[in-house]
Amino acid sequence: MNSYWPGFFPEPSVRTLNDMCCVLANPDQSGDTPLYYMYRDLALTAEDRAYLNEQNLRFDITIIHPGTVDGEYVKTKGHYHPLSPSGIGYPELYQVLAGEAFYLLQRSDLHDVVAVTAKVGEFVLIPPGYGHVTINPGKEKLVMANLVSAGFASEYTFYEQMQGGAYYLMEEGGWIRNPRYPAIPGMRVIPAGEVPELGIRHGREIYRMVSGREELLYLNFPKGSPECLYQM
């Protein structure tokens, strides 16, 4: 784990099977088995901490166990971001540090559902207005880092009410539509893409955006940001 983060790890927030049963394809599960760990608000130096605070940003690392729960690949709970003061939802930036991932994105109006595949070193930018679930389809731990505004709390209610995202990824059968959703478009599957206009290029370290004091205003102020922020 320290190979992904050379600094201090605080106590993580842990999602257990009991926490996740409300969003699983088969909710008749229970137990205190940990499924993933969230290490929030990390910084390597006091100067980096000051920069993150000044920019109202948070740097996190999440570790998701491999495996399945009653045939469904282990995933995060799923959430939406609220609207920023400008009326536009907050975006979020992820990078895979180890393993492989599917990021299942769905627009709040459900007019678009897309699964983004990502491997080590690749970035995934969550556009404004999209909820998202991260799935570990591999045989190894999925380790990912994210940069996000510290100015809001994630919204989980919709995913809890709908018993998960619009689709489930099953070990047998692949993507299965969640029958609790109304009519939704077919799911697109796309590879992770770069966004050079925002400094997002596969292979570079996401934390360099912090240590290098790069321009990350779009994470707090999506209004007026380049159009590439909204494209999938």
C-alpha atoms as a PDB file:
ATOM      1  CA  MET A   1       0.000   0.000   0.000  1.00  0.00           C
ATOM      2  CA  ASN A   2       2.856   2.374   0.804  1.00  0.00           C
ATOM      3  CA  SER A   3       4.121   2.018  -2.758  1.00  0.00           C
ATOM      4  CA  TYR A   4       1.051   3.986  -3.802  1.00  0.00           C
ATOM      5  CA  TRP A   5       1.323   6.565  -1.038  1.00  0.00           C
ATOM      6  CA  PRO A   6       4.642   7.312   0.685  1.00  0.00           C
ATOM      7  CA  GLY A   7       3.026   9.409   3.408  1.00  0.00           C
ATOM      8  CA  PHE A   8       0.904   8.830   6.494  1.00  0.00           C
ATOM      9  CA  PHE A   9      -2.352   6.891   6.244  1.00  0.00           C
ATOM     10  CA  PRO A  10      -5.092   7.968   8.668  1.00  0.00           C
ATOM     11  CA  GLU A  11      -7.779   5.600   9.880  1.00  0.00           C
ATOM     12  CA  PRO A  12      -9.902   4.756   6.841  1.00  0.00           C
ATOM     13  CA  SER A  13     -13.633   4.915   6.395  1.00  0.00           C
ATOM     14  CA  VAL A  14     -14.700   1.332   5.703  1.00  0.00           C
ATOM     15  CA  ARG A  15     -17.650   0.088   3.668  1.00  0.00           C
ATOM     16  CA  THR A  16     -18.752  -3.360   4.800  1.00  0.00           C
ATOM     17  CA  LEU A  17     -21.200  -5.834   3.323  1.00  0.00           C
ATOM     18  CA  ASN A  18     -23.845  -4.523   5.722  1.00  0.00           C
ATOM     19  CA  ASP A  19     -23.249  -0.986   4.426  1.00  0.00           C
ATOM     20  CA  MET A  20     -23.538  -2.110   0.818  1.00  0.00           C
ATOM     21  CA  CYS A  21     -26.458  -4.541   0.841  1.00  0.00           C
ATOM     22  CA  CYS A  22     -28.924  -1.789  -0.171  1.00  0.00           C
ATOM     23  CA  VAL A  23     -27.188  -1.284  -3.552  1.00  0.00           C
ATOM     24  CA  LEU A  24     -26.414  -4.888  -4.508  1.00  0.00           C
ATOM     25  CA  ALA A  25     -28.068  -6.914  -7.245  1.00  0.00           C
ATOM     26  CA  ASN A  26     -28.959  -9.388  -4.501  1.00  0.00           C
ATOM     27  CA  PRO A  27     -29.587  -7.355  -1.314  1.00  0.00           C
ATOM     28  CA  ASP A  28     -30.107 -10.457   0.837  1.00  0.00           C
ATOM     29  CA  GLN A  29     -26.551 -10.241   2.115  1.00  0.00           C
ATOM     30  CA  SER A  30     -25.222  -9.372   5.535  1.00  0.00           C
ATOM     31  CA  GLY A  31     -22.018  -9.352   7.487  1.00  0.00           C
ATOM     32  CA  ASP A  32     -19.171  -7.140   8.565  1.00  0.00           C
ATOM     33  CA  THR A  33     -16.818  -8.190   5.751  1.00  0.00           C
ATOM     34  CA  PRO A  34     -14.977  -5.060   4.533  1.00  0.00           C
ATOM     35  CA  LEU A  35     -15.356  -4.421   0.796  1.00  0.00           C
ATOM     36  CA  TYR A  36     -13.420  -1.187   0.396  1.00  0.00           C
ATOM     37  CA  TYR A  37     -11.473   1.424   2.337  1.00  0.00           C
ATOM     38  CA  MET A  38     -11.445   5.216   1.851  1.00  0.00           C
ATOM     39  CA  TYR A  39      -8.446   7.255   3.029  1.00  0.00           C
ATOM     40  CA  ARG A  40      -9.632  10.842   2.830  1.00  0.00           C
ATOM     41  CA  ASP A  41      -7.958  14.241   2.856  1.00  0.00           C
ATOM     42  CA  LEU A  42      -4.336  13.176   2.350  1.00  0.00           C
ATOM     43  CA  ALA A  43      -1.278  15.423   1.895  1.00  0.00           C
ATOM     44  CA  LEU A  44       2.441  14.673   1.834  1.00  0.00           C
ATOM     45  CA  THR A  45       3.720  17.989   3.220  1.00  0.00           C
ATOM     46  CA  ALA A  46       2.463  20.946   5.216  1.00  0.00           C
ATOM     47  CA  GLU A  47       2.847  23.058   2.096  1.00  0.00           C
ATOM     48  CA  ASP A  48       0.700  20.641   0.086  1.00  0.00           C
ATOM     49  CA  ARG A  49      -1.887  20.678   2.872  1.00  0.00           C
ATOM     50  CA  ALA A  50      -1.955  24.478   2.798  1.00  0.00           C
ATOM     51  CA  TYR A  51      -2.391  24.464  -0.980  1.00  0.00           C
ATOM     52  CA  LEU A  52      -5.275  21.970  -0.831  1.00  0.00           C
ATOM     53  CA  ASN A  53      -6.967  24.023   1.888  1.00  0.00           C
ATOM     54  CA  GLU A  54      -6.519  27.253  -0.054  1.00  0.00           C
ATOM     55  CA  GLN A  55      -7.975  25.620  -3.173  1.00  0.00           C
ATOM     56  CA  ASN A  56     -10.778  23.959  -1.159  1.00  0.00           C
ATOM     57  CA  LEU A  57      -9.757  20.552  -2.514  1.00  0.00           C
ATOM     58  CA  ARG A  58      -9.387  17.054  -1.120  1.00  0.00           C
ATOM     59  CA  PHE A  59      -7.010  14.271  -2.210  1.00  0.00           C
ATOM     60  CA  ASP A  60      -8.190  10.733  -1.365  1.00  0.00           C
ATOM     61  CA  ILE A  61      -7.139   7.144  -1.956  1.00  0.00           C
ATOM     62  CA  THR A  62      -9.648   4.273  -2.130  1.00  0.00           C
ATOM     63  CA  ILE A  63      -8.791   0.564  -2.064  1.00  0.00           C
ATOM     64  CA  ILE A  64     -11.412  -1.903  -3.346  1.00  0.00           C
ATOM     65  CA  HIS A  65     -11.060  -5.634  -2.714  1.00  0.00           C
ATOM     66  CA  PRO A  66     -11.303  -8.062  -5.643  1.00  0.00           C
ATOM     67  CA  GLY A  67     -13.993 -10.696  -5.758  1.00  0.00           C
ATOM     68  CA  THR A  68     -17.754 -10.921  -5.970  1.00  0.00           C
ATOM     69  CA  VAL A  69     -20.792 -10.711  -3.714  1.00  0.00           C
ATOM     70  CA  ASP A  70     -23.281 -13.367  -4.810  1.00  0.00           C
ATOM     71  CA  GLY A  71     -21.884 -13.137  -8.335  1.00  0.00           C
ATOM     72  CA  GLU A  72     -21.645  -9.327  -8.537  1.00  0.00           C
ATOM     73  CA  TYR A  73     -18.208  -7.732  -8.727  1.00  0.00           C
ATOM     74  CA  VAL A  74     -17.240  -5.634  -5.705  1.00  0.00           C
ATOM     75  CA  LYS A  75     -18.002  -1.947  -6.214  1.00  0.00           C
ATOM     76  CA  THR A  76     -18.416   1.357  -4.431  1.00  0.00           C
ATOM     77  CA  LYS A  77     -21.823   2.473  -3.204  1.00  0.00           C
ATOM     78  CA  GLY A  78     -22.355   5.110  -5.874  1.00  0.00           C
ATOM     79  CA  HIS A  79     -23.212   8.778  -5.468  1.00  0.00           C
ATOM     80  CA  TYR A  80     -24.083  12.040  -7.159  1.00  0.00           C
ATOM     81  CA  HIS A  81     -22.526  15.437  -6.530  1.00  0.00           C
ATOM     82  CA  PRO A  82     -24.745  18.398  -5.676  1.00  0.00           C
ATOM     83  CA  LEU A  83     -24.868  21.566  -7.757  1.00  0.00           C
ATOM     84  CA  SER A  84     -22.186  24.182  -7.257  1.00  0.00           C
ATOM     85  CA  PRO A  85     -23.302  27.780  -6.525  1.00  0.00           C
ATOM     86  CA  SER A  86     -23.316  28.401 -10.285  1.00  0.00           C
ATOM     87  CA  GLY A  87     -26.010  25.732 -10.736  1.00  0.00           C
ATOM     88  CA  ILE A  88     -23.615  23.228 -12.345  1.00  0.00           C
ATOM     89  CA  GLY A  89     -22.658  19.966 -10.653  1.00  0.00           C
ATOM     90  CA  TYR A  90     -19.166  19.470  -9.265  1.00  0.00           C
ATOM     91  CA  PRO A  91     -16.801  17.283 -11.342  1.00  0.00           C
ATOM     92  CA  GLU A  92     -14.234  14.836  -9.941  1.00  0.00           C
ATOM     93  CA  LEU A  93     -10.918  13.445 -11.186  1.00  0.00           C
ATOM     94  CA  TYR A  94      -9.755   9.847 -10.628  1.00  0.00           C
ATOM     95  CA  GLN A  95      -6.601   7.917 -11.472  1.00  0.00           C
ATOM     96  CA  VAL A  96      -6.068   4.155 -11.199  1.00  0.00           C
ATOM     97  CA  LEU A  97      -2.903   3.434  -9.188  1.00  0.00           C
ATOM     98  CA  ALA A  98      -3.147  -0.382  -9.198  1.00  0.00           C
ATOM     99  CA  GLY A  99      -5.475  -2.962 -10.680  1.00  0.00           C
ATOM    100  CA  GLU A 100      -8.205  -2.150 -13.179  1.00  0.00           C
ATOM    101  CA  ALA A 101     -11.569  -0.445 -12.969  1.00  0.00           C
ATOM    102  CA  PHE A 102     -14.914   0.182 -14.537  1.00  0.00           C
ATOM    103  CA  TYR A 103     -16.389   3.587 -13.746  1.00  0.00           C
ATOM    104  CA  LEU A 104     -20.141   3.330 -14.307  1.00  0.00           C
ATOM    105  CA  LEU A 105     -21.433   6.850 -14.963  1.00  0.00           C
ATOM    106  CA  GLN A 106     -25.055   7.900 -15.343  1.00  0.00           C
ATOM    107  CA  ARG A 107     -26.521  11.327 -15.914  1.00  0.00           C
ATOM    108  CA  SER A 108     -28.935  12.582 -13.292  1.00  0.00           C
ATOM    109  CA  ASP A 109     -31.709  12.647 -15.936  1.00  0.00           C
ATOM    110  CA  LEU A 110     -30.710   9.075 -16.975  1.00  0.00           C
ATOM    111  CA  HIS A 111     -30.363  10.104 -20.621  1.00  0.00           C
ATOM    112  CA  ASP A 112     -26.836   8.712 -20.763  1.00  0.00           C
ATOM    113  CA  VAL A 113     -25.195   5.686 -19.117  1.00  0.00           C
ATOM    114  CA  VAL A 114     -21.548   4.946 -19.846  1.00  0.00           C
ATOM    115  CA  ALA A 115     -18.971   2.502 -18.476  1.00  0.00           C
ATOM    116  CA  VAL A 116     -15.399   3.806 -18.646  1.00  0.00           C
ATOM    117  CA  THR A 117     -12.601   1.222 -18.558  1.00  0.00           C
ATOM    118  CA  ALA A 118      -9.379   2.315 -16.848  1.00  0.00           C
ATOM    119  CA  LYS A 119      -6.014   0.681 -16.181  1.00  0.00           C
ATOM    120  CA  VAL A 120      -2.982   1.664 -14.133  1.00  0.00           C
ATOM    121  CA  GLY A 121      -1.928   5.252 -14.788  1.00  0.00           C
ATOM    122  CA  GLU A 122      -5.121   6.210 -16.594  1.00  0.00           C
ATOM    123  CA  PHE A 123      -7.378   9.090 -15.563  1.00  0.00           C
ATOM    124  CA  VAL A 124     -11.164   9.299 -15.539  1.00  0.00           C
ATOM    125  CA  LEU A 125     -12.803  12.721 -15.320  1.00  0.00           C
ATOM    126  CA  ILE A 126     -16.355  12.605 -13.974  1.00  0.00           C
ATOM    127  CA  PRO A 127     -18.258  15.394 -15.765  1.00  0.00           C
ATOM    128  CA  PRO A 128     -20.771  17.623 -13.976  1.00  0.00           C
ATOM    129  CA  GLY A 129     -24.195  16.024 -13.635  1.00  0.00           C
ATOM    130  CA  TYR A 130     -23.079  12.382 -13.619  1.00  0.00           C
ATOM    131  CA  GLY A 131     -23.412   9.957 -10.736  1.00  0.00           C
ATOM    132  CA  HIS A 132     -20.784   7.254 -10.561  1.00  0.00           C
ATOM    133  CA  VAL A 133     -19.973   3.794  -9.219  1.00  0.00           C
ATOM    134  CA  THR A 134     -16.486   2.260  -9.326  1.00  0.00           C
ATOM    135  CA  ILE A 135     -16.247  -1.492  -9.929  1.00  0.00           C
ATOM    136  CA  ASN A 136     -13.267  -3.807  -9.474  1.00  0.00           C
ATOM    137  CA  PRO A 137     -13.572  -6.481 -12.218  1.00  0.00           C
ATOM    138  CA  GLY A 138     -10.069  -7.856 -11.700  1.00  0.00           C
ATOM    139  CA  LYS A 139      -8.335 -10.399  -9.497  1.00  0.00           C
ATOM    140  CA  GLU A 140      -6.193  -7.824  -7.654  1.00  0.00           C
ATOM    141  CA  LYS A 141      -6.931  -4.922  -5.363  1.00  0.00           C
ATOM    142  CA  LEU A 142      -8.068  -1.793  -7.157  1.00  0.00           C
ATOM    143  CA  VAL A 143      -6.292   1.279  -5.798  1.00  0.00           C
ATOM    144  CA  MET A 144      -7.405   4.679  -7.044  1.00  0.00           C
ATOM    145  CA  ALA A 145      -6.774   8.288  -6.111  1.00  0.00           C
ATOM    146  CA  ASN A 146      -9.110  11.211  -6.594  1.00  0.00           C
ATOM    147  CA  LEU A 147      -9.110  14.997  -6.492  1.00  0.00           C
ATOM    148  CA  VAL A 148     -12.407  16.669  -5.663  1.00  0.00           C
ATOM    149  CA  SER A 149     -13.853  19.813  -4.143  1.00  0.00           C
ATOM    150  CA  ALA A 150     -13.990  19.806  -0.350  1.00  0.00           C
ATOM    151  CA  GLY A 151     -17.031  22.080  -0.478  1.00  0.00           C
ATOM    152  CA  PHE A 152     -19.816  19.490  -0.633  1.00  0.00           C
ATOM    153  CA  ALA A 153     -21.059  16.157   0.703  1.00  0.00           C
ATOM    154  CA  SER A 154     -21.765  13.313  -1.729  1.00  0.00           C
ATOM    155  CA  GLU A 155     -25.394  12.309  -2.256  1.00  0.00           C
ATOM    156  CA  TYR A 156     -26.083   8.564  -1.902  1.00  0.00           C
ATOM    157  CA  THR A 157     -29.880   8.577  -1.554  1.00  0.00           C
ATOM    158  CA  PHE A 158     -30.790   7.935  -5.190  1.00  0.00           C
ATOM    159  CA  TYR A 159     -28.531   4.890  -5.440  1.00  0.00           C
ATOM    160  CA  GLU A 160     -29.917   3.531  -2.178  1.00  0.00           C
ATOM    161  CA  GLN A 161     -33.513   4.029  -3.337  1.00  0.00           C
ATOM    162  CA  MET A 162     -32.834   2.397  -6.722  1.00  0.00           C
ATOM    163  CA  GLN A 163     -30.775  -0.455  -5.227  1.00  0.00           C
ATOM    164  CA  GLY A 164     -27.633   0.544  -7.086  1.00  0.00           C
ATOM    165  CA  GLY A 165     -26.728   1.959 -10.465  1.00  0.00           C
ATOM    166  CA  ALA A 166     -28.530   1.459 -13.752  1.00  0.00           C
ATOM    167  CA  TYR A 167     -26.525  -1.717 -14.431  1.00  0.00           C
ATOM    168  CA  TYR A 168     -24.838  -4.429 -12.384  1.00  0.00           C
ATOM    169  CA  LEU A 169     -21.608  -6.115 -13.490  1.00  0.00           C
ATOM    170  CA  MET A 170     -21.901  -9.853 -12.852  1.00  0.00           C
ATOM    171  CA  GLU A 171     -19.194 -12.513 -13.031  1.00  0.00           C
ATOM    172  CA  GLU A 172     -21.548 -14.578 -15.182  1.00  0.00           C
ATOM    173  CA  GLY A 173     -23.672 -12.634 -17.656  1.00  0.00           C
ATOM    174  CA  GLY A 174     -21.696  -9.401 -17.724  1.00  0.00           C
ATOM    175  CA  TRP A 175     -23.702  -6.179 -17.560  1.00  0.00           C
ATOM    176  CA  ILE A 176     -27.245  -6.727 -16.288  1.00  0.00           C
ATOM    177  CA  ARG A 177     -29.802  -3.939 -16.333  1.00  0.00           C
ATOM    178  CA  ASN A 178     -31.222  -2.904 -12.951  1.00  0.00           C
ATOM    179  CA  PRO A 179     -34.981  -3.556 -13.333  1.00  0.00           C
ATOM    180  CA  ARG A 180     -35.892  -0.781 -10.854  1.00  0.00           C
ATOM    181  CA  TYR A 181     -34.901   1.890 -13.362  1.00  0.00           C
ATOM    182  CA  PRO A 182     -37.351   3.287 -15.913  1.00  0.00           C
ATOM    183  CA  ALA A 183     -36.532   3.051 -19.603  1.00  0.00           C
ATOM    184  CA  ILE A 184     -32.889   3.989 -20.045  1.00  0.00           C
ATOM    185  CA  PRO A 185     -30.628   4.103 -23.106  1.00  0.00           C
ATOM    186  CA  GLY A 186     -28.278   1.277 -23.884  1.00  0.00           C
ATOM    187  CA  MET A 187     -24.999   1.525 -22.037  1.00  0.00           C
ATOM    188  CA  ARG A 188     -21.926   2.806 -23.851  1.00  0.00           C
ATOM    189  CA  VAL A 189     -18.532   1.280 -23.006  1.00  0.00           C
ATOM    190  CA  ILE A 190     -15.530   3.522 -23.691  1.00  0.00           C
ATOM    191  CA  PRO A 191     -11.844   3.581 -22.707  1.00  0.00           C
ATOM    192  CA  ALA A 192     -10.496   6.216 -20.352  1.00  0.00           C
ATOM    193  CA  GLY A 193      -9.581   9.357 -22.272  1.00  0.00           C
ATOM    194  CA  GLU A 194      -7.093  12.151 -21.780  1.00  0.00           C
ATOM    195  CA  VAL A 195      -8.074  15.814 -21.390  1.00  0.00           C
ATOM    196  CA  PRO A 196      -4.880  17.719 -22.304  1.00  0.00           C
ATOM    197  CA  GLU A 197      -6.578  21.111 -21.900  1.00  0.00           C
ATOM    198  CA  LEU A 198      -6.826  20.368 -18.172  1.00  0.00           C
ATOM    199  CA  GLY A 199      -3.411  18.713 -17.823  1.00  0.00           C
ATOM    200  CA  ILE A 200      -4.957  15.226 -17.714  1.00  0.00           C
ATOM    201  CA  ARG A 201      -2.548  12.896 -19.522  1.00  0.00           C
ATOM    202  CA  HIS A 202      -2.303   9.172 -18.821  1.00  0.00           C
ATOM    203  CA  GLY A 203       0.855   8.023 -17.097  1.00  0.00           C
ATOM    204  CA  ARG A 204       1.667  11.137 -15.107  1.00  0.00           C
ATOM    205  CA  GLU A 205       1.123  11.052 -11.342  1.00  0.00           C
ATOM    206  CA  ILE A 206      -2.095  12.663 -10.170  1.00  0.00           C
ATOM    207  CA  TYR A 207      -0.427  13.961  -7.004  1.00  0.00           C
ATOM    208  CA  ARG A 208       1.913  16.098  -9.117  1.00  0.00           C
ATOM    209  CA  MET A 209      -1.108  18.299  -9.724  1.00  0.00           C
ATOM    210  CA  VAL A 210      -0.945  19.073  -6.000  1.00  0.00           C
ATOM    211  CA  SER A 211       2.815  19.223  -5.459  1.00  0.00           C
ATOM    212  CA  GLY A 212       3.192  21.248  -8.670  1.00  0.00           C
ATOM    213  CA  ARG A 213       0.450  23.702  -7.635  1.00  0.00           C
ATOM    214  CA  GLU A 214      -1.370  23.179 -10.920  1.00  0.00           C
ATOM    215  CA  GLU A 215      -4.533  24.983 -11.942  1.00  0.00           C
ATOM    216  CA  LEU A 216      -7.493  22.995 -10.609  1.00  0.00           C
ATOM    217  CA  LEU A 217     -10.145  25.695 -10.436  1.00  0.00           C
ATOM    218  CA  TYR A 218     -12.524  23.647 -12.579  1.00  0.00           C
ATOM    219  CA  LEU A 219     -13.096  21.254  -9.654  1.00  0.00           C
ATOM    220  CA  ASN A 220     -14.738  24.045  -7.635  1.00  0.00           C
ATOM    221  CA  PHE A 221     -15.886  26.353 -10.418  1.00  0.00           C
ATOM    222  CA  PRO A 222     -17.115  24.271 -13.367  1.00  0.00           C
ATOM    223  CA  LYS A 223     -18.956  27.245 -14.862  1.00  0.00           C
ATOM    224  CA  GLY A 224     -16.713  28.886 -17.404  1.00  0.00           C
ATOM    225  CA  SER A 225     -14.420  25.856 -17.632  1.00  0.00           C
ATOM    226  CA  PRO A 226     -13.466  24.481 -21.083  1.00  0.00           C
ATOM    227  CA  GLU A 227     -16.104  22.479 -22.941  1.00  0.00           C
ATOM    228  CA  CYS A 228     -13.924  19.385 -22.588  1.00  0.00           C
ATOM    229  CA  LEU A 229     -15.022  19.208 -18.938  1.00  0.00           C
ATOM    230  CA  TYR A 230     -18.514  18.196 -20.084  1.00  0.00           C
ATOM    231  CA  GLN A 231     -17.621  15.718 -22.807  1.00  0.00           C
ATOM    232  CA  MET A 232     -17.605  11.927 -22.543  1.00  0.00           C
END
